[in-house]
Protein backbone atom coordinates (compact mmCIF):
# COMPACT_ATOMS: atom_id res chain seq x y z
CA MET A 1 65.35 -64.06 36.04
CA GLU A 2 64.80 -67.82 36.14
CA LEU A 3 67.03 -70.14 38.16
CA ARG A 4 68.39 -71.86 35.04
CA GLU A 5 69.46 -68.50 33.61
CA ALA A 6 70.99 -67.34 36.90
CA LEU A 7 73.04 -70.51 37.49
CA GLY A 8 73.98 -71.26 33.93
CA GLU A 9 73.20 -74.47 32.09
CA GLU A 10 76.10 -76.50 33.52
CA LEU A 11 75.56 -75.63 37.18
CA TYR A 12 71.78 -75.91 36.83
CA SER A 13 72.17 -79.44 35.41
CA GLN A 14 74.41 -80.41 38.33
CA VAL A 15 71.88 -79.10 40.86
CA GLU A 16 69.04 -80.87 39.09
CA ALA A 17 70.99 -84.16 39.00
CA LYS A 18 71.83 -83.88 42.71
CA LEU A 19 68.20 -83.29 43.66
CA THR A 20 67.14 -86.28 41.58
CA GLU A 21 69.71 -88.43 43.37
CA ILE A 22 68.56 -87.25 46.82
CA ASN A 23 64.89 -87.79 46.02
CA LYS A 24 65.52 -91.42 44.98
CA ASP A 25 65.87 -92.25 48.67
CA SER A 26 62.73 -93.99 49.96
CA GLY A 27 62.56 -91.61 52.88
CA ARG A 28 62.09 -88.70 50.47
CA LYS A 29 59.20 -90.24 48.57
CA ASP A 30 56.52 -88.18 50.32
CA ASN A 31 58.72 -85.16 51.02
CA PRO A 32 61.01 -84.53 48.03
CA VAL A 33 63.53 -81.70 47.93
CA ARG A 34 62.41 -79.06 45.44
CA TYR A 35 63.53 -75.67 44.23
CA VAL A 36 61.03 -72.99 43.29
CA ASP A 37 60.96 -69.48 41.86
CA LEU A 38 59.25 -67.26 44.42
CA SER A 39 58.27 -64.79 41.70
CA GLU A 40 55.87 -67.43 40.38
CA GLY A 41 53.95 -67.44 43.64
CA ALA A 42 55.32 -70.65 45.19
CA TYR A 43 55.31 -70.83 49.01
CA VAL A 44 54.31 -67.18 49.26
CA GLY A 45 51.51 -65.33 47.52
CA LYS A 46 52.52 -63.66 44.29
CA ASP A 47 51.09 -60.37 45.52
CA ASN A 48 53.07 -60.60 48.77
CA TYR A 49 56.24 -61.38 46.85
CA ALA A 50 55.71 -58.38 44.54
CA ARG A 51 55.07 -56.14 47.53
CA LEU A 52 58.27 -57.26 49.24
CA GLN A 53 60.24 -56.73 46.02
CA THR A 54 58.86 -53.22 45.60
CA GLU A 55 59.52 -52.32 49.23
CA SER A 56 63.04 -53.70 49.04
CA ALA A 57 63.85 -51.75 45.87
CA GLY A 58 62.33 -48.57 47.29
CA TYR A 59 64.16 -48.74 50.61
CA LYS A 60 67.44 -49.61 48.90
CA LYS A 61 67.16 -46.51 46.74
CA GLN A 62 66.49 -44.36 49.80
CA LEU A 63 69.49 -45.88 51.57
CA ASP A 64 71.75 -45.27 48.58
CA ASP A 65 70.56 -41.67 48.37
CA ALA A 66 71.16 -41.19 52.10
CA ASN A 67 74.70 -42.56 51.85
CA GLY A 68 75.38 -40.23 48.94
CA ALA A 69 74.12 -37.26 50.94
CA ILE A 70 76.22 -38.18 53.98
CA LYS A 71 79.39 -38.42 51.89
CA SER A 72 78.75 -34.97 50.48
CA TYR A 73 78.64 -33.41 53.96
CA LYS A 74 82.42 -33.62 54.45
CA ASP A 75 82.94 -30.87 51.89
CA MET A 76 80.18 -28.58 53.26
CA ASP A 77 80.07 -25.86 55.88
CA ILE A 78 77.43 -25.84 58.64
CA ASP A 79 74.91 -23.80 56.67
CA GLY A 80 75.36 -26.06 53.66
CA ILE A 81 74.78 -29.15 55.79
CA LYS A 82 71.63 -27.64 57.31
CA GLN A 83 70.23 -26.88 53.87
CA SER A 84 71.17 -30.33 52.65
CA VAL A 85 69.32 -31.90 55.59
CA LYS A 86 66.19 -29.91 54.73
CA ASP A 87 66.46 -30.97 51.10
CA TRP A 88 66.95 -34.58 52.15
CA GLU A 89 63.93 -34.51 54.47
CA ARG A 90 61.76 -33.19 51.64
CA LYS A 91 63.11 -35.79 49.22
CA TYR A 92 62.64 -38.58 51.75
CA THR A 93 59.01 -37.58 52.31
CA GLU A 94 58.32 -37.42 48.57
CA ASP A 95 60.03 -40.75 47.86
CA THR A 96 58.21 -42.46 50.73
CA LYS A 97 54.86 -41.21 49.42
CA LYS A 98 55.70 -42.46 45.91
CA LEU A 99 56.61 -45.87 47.33
CA GLN A 100 53.38 -46.09 49.34
CA ASP A 101 51.35 -45.06 46.29
CA GLN A 102 53.05 -47.76 44.23
CA LEU A 103 52.34 -50.38 46.90
CA SER A 104 48.70 -49.28 47.06
CA ARG A 105 48.36 -49.60 43.29
CA GLN A 106 49.88 -53.07 43.39
CA GLU A 107 47.54 -54.16 46.17
CA ARG A 108 44.55 -52.78 44.26
CA ASN A 109 45.59 -54.46 41.00
CA PHE A 110 46.14 -57.86 42.63
CA ALA A 111 42.78 -57.62 44.40
CA ALA A 112 41.06 -56.82 41.09
CA GLU A 113 42.73 -59.81 39.43
CA ARG A 114 41.61 -62.11 42.24
CA TYR A 115 38.07 -60.77 41.96
CA LEU A 116 37.97 -61.40 38.21
CA ASP A 117 39.22 -64.96 38.76
CA GLY A 118 35.70 -65.83 39.88
CA GLN A 119 33.91 -64.17 36.95
CA LYS A 120 34.53 -66.99 34.43
CA ILE A 121 35.78 -64.72 31.63
CA LYS A 122 36.42 -66.73 28.47
CA SER A 123 39.62 -65.38 26.93
CA PRO A 124 42.79 -63.71 28.29
CA LEU A 125 42.24 -60.78 25.91
CA SER A 126 38.73 -60.18 27.24
CA ARG A 127 40.01 -60.50 30.80
CA LYS A 128 42.70 -57.87 30.18
CA THR A 129 40.17 -55.44 28.69
CA ILE A 130 37.65 -56.01 31.48
CA LEU A 131 40.40 -55.63 34.11
CA ASN A 132 41.47 -52.26 32.69
CA GLU A 133 37.87 -51.04 32.56
CA PHE A 134 37.25 -52.38 36.07
CA LEU A 135 40.21 -50.45 37.50
CA ALA A 136 39.21 -47.34 35.54
CA GLN A 137 35.96 -47.15 37.55
CA ASN A 138 37.98 -46.02 40.60
CA MET A 139 35.67 -47.89 42.96
CA GLU A 140 36.24 -47.47 46.68
CA PHE A 141 38.76 -50.09 47.81
CA LYS A 142 38.70 -51.02 51.48
CA ASP A 143 39.81 -54.13 53.38
CA GLY A 144 40.68 -55.89 50.14
CA LYS A 145 37.23 -55.40 48.58
CA PHE A 146 35.77 -53.09 45.92
CA SER A 147 32.54 -51.30 46.75
CA GLY A 148 29.98 -51.78 43.96
CA ALA A 149 32.02 -54.42 42.11
CA ASP A 150 29.17 -56.93 41.87
CA ASP A 151 26.74 -54.38 40.43
CA TYR A 152 29.32 -53.23 37.89
CA MET A 153 30.12 -56.76 36.73
CA LYS A 154 26.41 -57.55 36.47
CA LYS A 155 26.07 -54.71 33.94
CA VAL A 156 29.16 -55.91 32.04
CA ARG A 157 27.71 -59.43 31.84
CA GLU A 158 24.41 -58.09 30.53
CA GLN A 159 26.16 -55.93 27.94
CA TYR A 160 28.72 -58.52 26.80
CA PRO A 161 27.26 -61.97 27.60
CA ASP A 162 29.41 -63.74 25.00
CA GLU A 163 32.60 -62.83 26.88
CA PHE A 164 31.63 -65.04 29.83
CA GLU A 165 31.12 -68.75 30.27
CA LYS A 166 27.47 -69.73 30.46
CA GLU A 167 26.07 -70.51 33.86
CA GLU A 168 24.90 -74.09 34.19
CA GLN A 169 21.15 -74.08 34.66
CA GLN A 170 19.63 -76.93 36.57
CA GLU A 171 16.41 -78.20 35.11
CA GLU A 172 13.55 -78.04 37.53
CA THR A 173 12.29 -81.44 38.47
CA LYS A 174 8.62 -81.67 37.61
CA LYS A 175 6.65 -83.57 40.19
CA ILE A 176 3.68 -85.57 38.95
CA PHE A 177 0.87 -85.87 41.45
CA THR A 178 -1.73 -88.63 41.24
CA ARG A 179 -4.97 -88.86 43.14
CA ALA A 180 -4.75 -91.29 45.97
CA THR A 181 -6.76 -94.46 45.50
CA SER A 182 -6.25 -96.13 48.86
CA HIS A 183 -9.76 -95.16 50.08
CA THR A 184 -11.77 -95.77 46.92
CA TYR A 185 -12.97 -99.20 47.86
CA ARG A 186 -15.93 -100.34 45.80
CA PRO A 187 -18.05 -103.05 47.39
CA ALA A 188 -18.90 -105.98 45.15
CA THR A 189 -22.35 -106.96 46.61
CA LYS A 190 -25.27 -105.18 48.25
CA SER A 191 -24.55 -106.64 51.67
CA GLU A 192 -20.99 -105.50 51.42
CA GLU A 193 -22.22 -102.05 50.32
CA GLU A 194 -24.44 -101.74 53.39
CA ALA A 195 -21.58 -102.76 55.65
CA TYR A 196 -19.30 -100.26 53.91
CA ILE A 197 -21.82 -97.38 54.32
CA LYS A 198 -22.40 -98.21 57.97
CA LYS A 199 -18.69 -98.31 58.65
CA LYS A 200 -18.08 -95.02 56.82
CA TYR A 201 -21.03 -92.94 58.01
CA GLY A 202 -22.10 -94.70 61.21
CA ASN A 203 -25.26 -93.17 62.64
CA ASN A 204 -25.06 -89.92 60.65
CA LYS A 205 -28.69 -89.11 59.96
CA TYR A 206 -27.82 -87.04 56.91
CA SER A 207 -26.03 -89.85 55.15
CA LYS A 208 -27.80 -91.41 52.23
CA GLN A 209 -29.15 -94.86 53.14
């Protein structure tokens, strides 16, 4: 439920007007007062918020069930209470396992969504389909990572290339090499040629005179 819906239009407008008035102060320019909906992922991660909500709902149900069981004990004899305790222990164990399984599924789903965020999938519809297929692979999930995820997505990209944004390819810079000409001096006269040969070859007896 959104804040506007929870407060009602009149009260919401009053709150909004008050915040606007407060934020007009020069001291609030860089640090305005704001209200946020935690379910949208503000201030806390959306996955953490969902986990807390699930845990809260699960524990509340267990507490309500426990209170109901305790109230029923006043009309029971000793044997009835003992049996009720056994039934409650079994129910508590089953409910706790269901809650943990639900939390594990949530953690796995959020991790898969975060992983697909980096895959540059074009459309929301394609993303939803790929997400469902990704989860259906039942890859090993440990420490927030899926084993074999990269190899699987590589195959998906090869099979459905049009569902992904194209990777930007950098053109290779072609280097043009030219022969150095700094030592290709050509003497203009015979005397200069003799001096050039002497300087280059010195007393090398195999040099052409």
